[in-house]
N, C-alpha and C. Protein backbone atom coordinates (compact mmCIF):
# COMPACT_ATOMS: atom_id res chain seq x y z
N MET A 1 110.70 96.87 76.43
CA MET A 1 109.63 97.45 77.18
C MET A 1 109.78 96.84 78.55
N PRO A 2 109.66 97.35 79.62
CA PRO A 2 109.17 98.61 80.11
C PRO A 2 110.19 99.75 80.03
N HIS A 3 109.67 100.95 80.11
CA HIS A 3 110.51 102.15 80.09
C HIS A 3 110.46 102.80 81.47
N THR A 4 111.63 103.11 82.00
CA THR A 4 111.70 103.76 83.31
C THR A 4 112.52 105.03 83.18
N THR A 5 112.03 106.10 83.78
CA THR A 5 112.78 107.35 83.87
C THR A 5 112.96 107.65 85.35
N VAL A 6 114.19 107.92 85.73
CA VAL A 6 114.51 108.23 87.12
C VAL A 6 115.07 109.64 87.16
N GLU A 7 114.34 110.55 87.78
CA GLU A 7 114.83 111.90 88.01
C GLU A 7 115.39 111.95 89.42
N TYR A 8 116.57 112.54 89.57
CA TYR A 8 117.18 112.61 90.90
C TYR A 8 117.91 113.94 91.06
N SER A 9 117.92 114.41 92.30
CA SER A 9 118.62 115.66 92.60
C SER A 9 120.11 115.49 92.37
N GLY A 10 120.71 116.49 91.74
CA GLY A 10 122.14 116.44 91.46
C GLY A 10 122.99 116.26 92.71
N VAL A 11 122.52 116.76 93.86
CA VAL A 11 123.30 116.62 95.09
C VAL A 11 123.40 115.16 95.54
N LEU A 12 122.60 114.28 94.92
CA LEU A 12 122.66 112.86 95.25
C LEU A 12 123.55 112.05 94.30
N ALA A 13 124.21 112.71 93.38
CA ALA A 13 124.97 112.01 92.35
C ALA A 13 125.95 111.00 92.92
N ASP A 14 126.64 111.34 93.98
CA ASP A 14 127.60 110.41 94.57
C ASP A 14 126.95 109.41 95.51
N ALA A 15 125.76 109.70 96.00
CA ALA A 15 125.09 108.84 96.98
C ALA A 15 124.16 107.81 96.34
N PHE A 16 123.74 108.06 95.11
CA PHE A 16 122.75 107.20 94.45
C PHE A 16 123.46 106.25 93.49
N ASP A 17 123.44 104.97 93.81
CA ASP A 17 124.07 103.93 92.99
C ASP A 17 123.13 103.59 91.83
N ARG A 18 123.26 104.31 90.76
CA ARG A 18 122.36 104.16 89.62
C ARG A 18 122.51 102.82 88.91
N PRO A 19 123.73 102.35 88.60
CA PRO A 19 123.82 101.03 87.94
C PRO A 19 123.27 99.89 88.80
N GLY A 20 123.56 99.92 90.09
CA GLY A 20 123.04 98.88 90.98
C GLY A 20 121.53 98.93 91.07
N PHE A 21 120.99 100.15 91.15
CA PHE A 21 119.55 100.31 91.19
C PHE A 21 118.91 99.77 89.92
N ALA A 22 119.45 100.14 88.76
CA ALA A 22 118.88 99.70 87.48
C ALA A 22 118.89 98.18 87.36
N LYS A 23 119.99 97.57 87.76
CA LYS A 23 120.09 96.10 87.69
C LYS A 23 119.00 95.46 88.55
N ASP A 24 118.86 95.92 89.79
CA ASP A 24 117.85 95.35 90.68
C ASP A 24 116.44 95.72 90.24
N LEU A 25 116.27 96.91 89.69
CA LEU A 25 114.97 97.33 89.18
C LEU A 25 114.51 96.41 88.06
N HIS A 26 115.39 96.14 87.11
CA HIS A 26 115.03 95.27 85.99
C HIS A 26 114.65 93.88 86.49
N SER A 27 115.39 93.36 87.46
CA SER A 27 115.05 92.05 88.04
C SER A 27 113.67 92.09 88.68
N ALA A 28 113.37 93.18 89.39
CA ALA A 28 112.07 93.32 90.05
C ALA A 28 110.94 93.40 89.03
N ILE A 29 111.15 94.14 87.96
CA ILE A 29 110.11 94.26 86.94
C ILE A 29 109.80 92.89 86.34
N VAL A 30 110.84 92.08 86.13
CA VAL A 30 110.64 90.73 85.59
C VAL A 30 109.90 89.85 86.60
N SER A 31 110.35 89.85 87.86
CA SER A 31 109.78 88.93 88.84
C SER A 31 108.41 89.37 89.36
N VAL A 32 108.19 90.65 89.53
CA VAL A 32 106.93 91.13 90.11
C VAL A 32 105.88 91.40 89.05
N ALA A 33 106.28 91.99 87.94
CA ALA A 33 105.29 92.45 86.94
C ALA A 33 105.36 91.66 85.63
N ASP A 34 106.11 90.57 85.61
CA ASP A 34 106.20 89.72 84.42
C ASP A 34 106.69 90.48 83.20
N GLY A 35 107.66 91.38 83.44
CA GLY A 35 108.26 92.12 82.33
C GLY A 35 109.29 91.26 81.61
N ARG A 36 109.76 91.74 80.48
CA ARG A 36 110.76 91.03 79.69
C ARG A 36 112.11 91.71 79.94
N ALA A 37 113.06 90.97 80.51
CA ALA A 37 114.36 91.54 80.88
C ALA A 37 115.05 92.23 79.71
N GLY A 38 115.02 91.63 78.55
CA GLY A 38 115.69 92.20 77.39
C GLY A 38 115.07 93.49 76.91
N GLY A 39 113.86 93.79 77.35
CA GLY A 39 113.20 95.00 76.92
C GLY A 39 113.25 96.13 77.93
N CYS A 40 113.78 95.87 79.13
CA CYS A 40 113.84 96.91 80.17
C CYS A 40 114.81 98.01 79.77
N LYS A 41 114.37 99.23 79.91
CA LYS A 41 115.20 100.41 79.62
C LYS A 41 115.03 101.40 80.76
N THR A 42 116.15 101.87 81.30
CA THR A 42 116.09 102.86 82.37
C THR A 42 116.96 104.04 82.02
N ARG A 43 116.38 105.23 82.09
CA ARG A 43 117.10 106.48 81.82
C ARG A 43 117.18 107.26 83.13
N PHE A 44 118.34 107.80 83.40
CA PHE A 44 118.55 108.61 84.59
C PHE A 44 118.69 110.08 84.16
N VAL A 45 117.94 110.93 84.82
CA VAL A 45 117.95 112.35 84.51
C VAL A 45 118.34 113.10 85.78
N ARG A 46 119.54 113.63 85.76
CA ARG A 46 120.02 114.42 86.90
C ARG A 46 119.40 115.81 86.84
N GLN A 47 118.84 116.23 87.95
CA GLN A 47 118.21 117.54 88.03
C GLN A 47 119.04 118.41 88.97
N ASP A 48 119.71 119.41 88.40
CA ASP A 48 120.52 120.31 89.21
C ASP A 48 119.74 121.55 89.64
N GLU A 49 118.60 121.74 89.05
CA GLU A 49 117.80 122.91 89.39
C GLU A 49 116.38 122.45 89.70
N MET A 50 116.02 122.54 90.96
CA MET A 50 114.68 122.16 91.39
C MET A 50 114.31 122.93 92.64
N TYR A 51 113.04 122.98 92.91
CA TYR A 51 112.53 123.68 94.08
C TYR A 51 111.63 122.70 94.81
N ILE A 52 112.05 122.29 96.02
CA ILE A 52 111.30 121.32 96.81
C ILE A 52 110.88 121.99 98.11
N ALA A 53 109.64 121.75 98.51
CA ALA A 53 109.09 122.27 99.77
C ALA A 53 109.26 123.79 99.84
N ASP A 54 110.04 124.26 100.83
CA ASP A 54 110.21 125.70 100.99
C ASP A 54 111.42 126.24 100.22
N GLY A 55 112.02 125.41 99.38
CA GLY A 55 113.15 125.83 98.58
C GLY A 55 114.49 125.73 99.28
N SER A 56 114.49 125.23 100.49
CA SER A 56 115.74 125.12 101.24
C SER A 56 116.66 124.10 100.57
N PRO A 57 117.97 124.28 100.69
CA PRO A 57 118.91 123.34 100.08
C PRO A 57 119.02 122.01 100.83
N HIS A 58 118.18 121.82 101.83
CA HIS A 58 118.24 120.60 102.64
C HIS A 58 117.34 119.49 102.11
N TYR A 59 116.71 119.72 100.96
CA TYR A 59 115.83 118.73 100.36
C TYR A 59 116.45 118.17 99.09
N ALA A 60 116.15 116.90 98.84
CA ALA A 60 116.55 116.24 97.61
C ALA A 60 115.45 115.24 97.25
N MET A 61 115.49 114.74 96.04
CA MET A 61 114.46 113.79 95.62
C MET A 61 114.96 112.76 94.63
N VAL A 62 114.28 111.63 94.63
CA VAL A 62 114.42 110.61 93.61
C VAL A 62 112.99 110.26 93.21
N HIS A 63 112.64 110.48 91.94
CA HIS A 63 111.31 110.13 91.45
C HIS A 63 111.46 109.16 90.30
N ILE A 64 110.74 108.04 90.39
CA ILE A 64 110.82 106.97 89.40
C ILE A 64 109.47 106.85 88.70
N GLU A 65 109.51 106.92 87.39
CA GLU A 65 108.31 106.79 86.56
C GLU A 65 108.50 105.55 85.69
N ILE A 66 107.62 104.56 85.86
CA ILE A 66 107.70 103.30 85.11
C ILE A 66 106.51 103.21 84.17
N ALA A 67 106.77 102.98 82.90
CA ALA A 67 105.71 102.81 81.91
C ALA A 67 105.71 101.34 81.48
N LEU A 68 104.59 100.67 81.75
CA LEU A 68 104.42 99.26 81.41
C LEU A 68 103.28 99.11 80.42
N LEU A 69 103.35 98.08 79.59
CA LEU A 69 102.21 97.80 78.74
C LEU A 69 100.99 97.53 79.61
N SER A 70 99.85 98.01 79.21
CA SER A 70 98.63 97.88 80.00
C SER A 70 98.28 96.41 80.20
N GLY A 71 97.49 96.18 81.26
CA GLY A 71 97.01 94.83 81.53
C GLY A 71 97.38 94.30 82.90
N ARG A 72 98.33 94.96 83.60
CA ARG A 72 98.68 94.51 84.95
C ARG A 72 97.60 94.96 85.93
N THR A 73 97.39 94.14 86.93
CA THR A 73 96.39 94.47 87.94
C THR A 73 96.90 95.58 88.86
N ALA A 74 95.97 96.21 89.55
CA ALA A 74 96.34 97.23 90.53
C ALA A 74 97.21 96.61 91.63
N GLU A 75 96.93 95.39 92.00
CA GLU A 75 97.72 94.71 93.03
C GLU A 75 99.16 94.52 92.58
N THR A 76 99.34 94.13 91.33
CA THR A 76 100.70 93.96 90.78
C THR A 76 101.43 95.29 90.77
N LYS A 77 100.75 96.34 90.36
CA LYS A 77 101.38 97.66 90.31
C LYS A 77 101.75 98.15 91.71
N ARG A 78 100.86 97.92 92.68
CA ARG A 78 101.17 98.32 94.06
C ARG A 78 102.37 97.55 94.59
N ALA A 79 102.43 96.26 94.30
CA ALA A 79 103.56 95.44 94.75
C ALA A 79 104.86 95.93 94.12
N LEU A 80 104.82 96.22 92.82
CA LEU A 80 106.01 96.73 92.15
C LEU A 80 106.40 98.09 92.70
N ASN A 81 105.43 98.96 92.93
CA ASN A 81 105.72 100.28 93.52
C ASN A 81 106.50 100.14 94.81
N GLN A 82 106.06 99.25 95.70
CA GLN A 82 106.72 99.09 96.99
C GLN A 82 108.14 98.55 96.83
N VAL A 83 108.31 97.57 95.96
CA VAL A 83 109.65 97.01 95.74
C VAL A 83 110.58 98.07 95.17
N VAL A 84 110.09 98.86 94.22
CA VAL A 84 110.91 99.90 93.59
C VAL A 84 111.27 100.98 94.61
N LEU A 85 110.32 101.37 95.42
CA LEU A 85 110.60 102.36 96.47
C LEU A 85 111.67 101.85 97.42
N ASP A 86 111.55 100.60 97.83
CA ASP A 86 112.55 99.99 98.72
C ASP A 86 113.92 99.95 98.06
N LEU A 87 113.96 99.59 96.78
CA LEU A 87 115.24 99.53 96.05
C LEU A 87 115.89 100.91 95.95
N ALA A 88 115.09 101.92 95.66
CA ALA A 88 115.65 103.27 95.55
C ALA A 88 116.28 103.69 96.88
N ARG A 89 115.61 103.39 97.97
CA ARG A 89 116.14 103.74 99.29
C ARG A 89 117.40 102.94 99.59
N GLU A 90 117.40 101.65 99.24
CA GLU A 90 118.58 100.79 99.48
C GLU A 90 119.80 101.26 98.69
N HIS A 91 119.57 101.78 97.51
CA HIS A 91 120.67 102.18 96.63
C HIS A 91 121.06 103.64 96.78
N THR A 92 120.52 104.30 97.79
CA THR A 92 120.89 105.68 98.09
C THR A 92 121.52 105.71 99.48
N GLU A 93 122.78 106.07 99.52
CA GLU A 93 123.48 106.15 100.81
C GLU A 93 122.83 107.20 101.70
N ALA A 94 122.99 107.01 102.99
CA ALA A 94 122.48 107.99 103.95
C ALA A 94 123.10 109.35 103.68
N THR A 95 122.28 110.35 103.70
CA THR A 95 122.72 111.73 103.49
C THR A 95 122.17 112.55 104.65
N PRO A 96 122.86 112.53 105.80
CA PRO A 96 122.32 113.17 107.01
C PRO A 96 121.98 114.64 106.85
N ARG A 97 122.61 115.34 105.94
CA ARG A 97 122.33 116.78 105.81
C ARG A 97 121.11 117.05 104.92
N LEU A 98 120.55 115.98 104.32
CA LEU A 98 119.43 116.15 103.39
C LEU A 98 118.21 115.35 103.82
N GLU A 99 117.04 115.90 103.55
CA GLU A 99 115.81 115.13 103.62
C GLU A 99 115.51 114.69 102.19
N VAL A 100 115.62 113.38 101.94
CA VAL A 100 115.44 112.86 100.59
C VAL A 100 114.01 112.32 100.46
N GLN A 101 113.31 112.82 99.47
CA GLN A 101 111.95 112.37 99.19
C GLN A 101 111.99 111.41 98.01
N PHE A 102 111.45 110.21 98.22
CA PHE A 102 111.40 109.18 97.19
C PHE A 102 109.95 109.00 96.74
N SER A 103 109.74 108.82 95.44
CA SER A 103 108.40 108.55 94.94
C SER A 103 108.48 107.67 93.70
N VAL A 104 107.40 106.92 93.48
CA VAL A 104 107.31 106.00 92.35
C VAL A 104 105.92 106.13 91.74
N ASN A 105 105.86 106.16 90.42
CA ASN A 105 104.58 106.13 89.72
C ASN A 105 104.68 105.13 88.58
N ILE A 106 103.65 104.32 88.47
CA ILE A 106 103.57 103.36 87.36
C ILE A 106 102.40 103.80 86.49
N ARG A 107 102.66 103.88 85.20
CA ARG A 107 101.59 104.24 84.27
C ARG A 107 101.52 103.20 83.16
N ASP A 108 100.38 103.12 82.54
CA ASP A 108 100.15 102.16 81.47
C ASP A 108 100.48 102.75 80.11
N LEU A 109 101.06 101.92 79.27
CA LEU A 109 101.17 102.21 77.84
C LEU A 109 100.11 101.36 77.15
N ASP A 110 99.34 101.97 76.30
CA ASP A 110 98.25 101.28 75.63
C ASP A 110 98.79 100.20 74.69
N ARG A 111 98.44 98.96 74.97
CA ARG A 111 98.89 97.84 74.13
C ARG A 111 98.44 97.99 72.68
N GLU A 112 97.31 98.64 72.48
CA GLU A 112 96.76 98.78 71.14
C GLU A 112 97.54 99.77 70.28
N THR A 113 98.23 100.73 70.92
CA THR A 113 98.88 101.78 70.15
C THR A 113 100.38 101.87 70.35
N TYR A 114 100.94 101.17 71.36
CA TYR A 114 102.39 101.22 71.57
C TYR A 114 103.07 100.43 70.47
N LEU A 115 104.16 100.98 69.95
CA LEU A 115 104.90 100.32 68.89
C LEU A 115 106.38 100.46 69.17
N GLY A 116 107.12 99.39 69.03
CA GLY A 116 108.57 99.42 69.21
C GLY A 116 109.24 98.56 68.15
N HIS A 117 110.52 98.77 67.99
CA HIS A 117 111.31 97.99 67.03
C HIS A 117 112.71 97.86 67.57
N THR A 118 113.31 96.69 67.45
CA THR A 118 114.69 96.48 67.85
C THR A 118 115.51 96.24 66.60
N GLU A 119 116.51 97.07 66.40
CA GLU A 119 117.41 96.92 65.26
C GLU A 119 118.51 95.95 65.66
N PRO A 120 118.67 94.82 64.96
CA PRO A 120 119.73 93.87 65.33
C PRO A 120 121.11 94.48 65.15
N ARG A 121 122.03 94.07 66.02
CA ARG A 121 123.41 94.54 65.89
C ARG A 121 124.02 94.00 64.60
N ALA A 122 124.96 94.76 64.04
CA ALA A 122 125.66 94.31 62.83
C ALA A 122 126.31 92.96 63.13
N GLY A 123 126.18 92.03 62.24
CA GLY A 123 126.78 90.73 62.41
C GLY A 123 125.88 89.72 63.10
N ASP A 124 124.73 90.17 63.63
CA ASP A 124 123.80 89.26 64.29
C ASP A 124 122.75 88.70 63.33
N ALA A 125 122.69 89.26 62.13
CA ALA A 125 121.63 88.85 61.20
C ALA A 125 121.93 87.52 60.57
């Protein structure tokens, strides 16, 4: 835990350093929001079909959705939002022909109802 989903425009595939972003994202979640490094999971979803603004091909986007167990303060979430936004921009090369829109949303997972399980690797038992 935490779970992150990153949707990004397909035209950014070569410009967006996804492994570097995920590594720095996980570090930020641990340092800013007191997350557990071993539980961080990030999924990248390439979107080749989207309609942004007036539909012109000059737009692209990166949207990050982070789900954390409930209990973090609004201040912690705002701080993490800013760090994540900065990281996304840092890990996306300049694309002069595109206007890239970046956004971040943090949502709570209810501690009372969230359930997870880790299956140990064979030979680790």
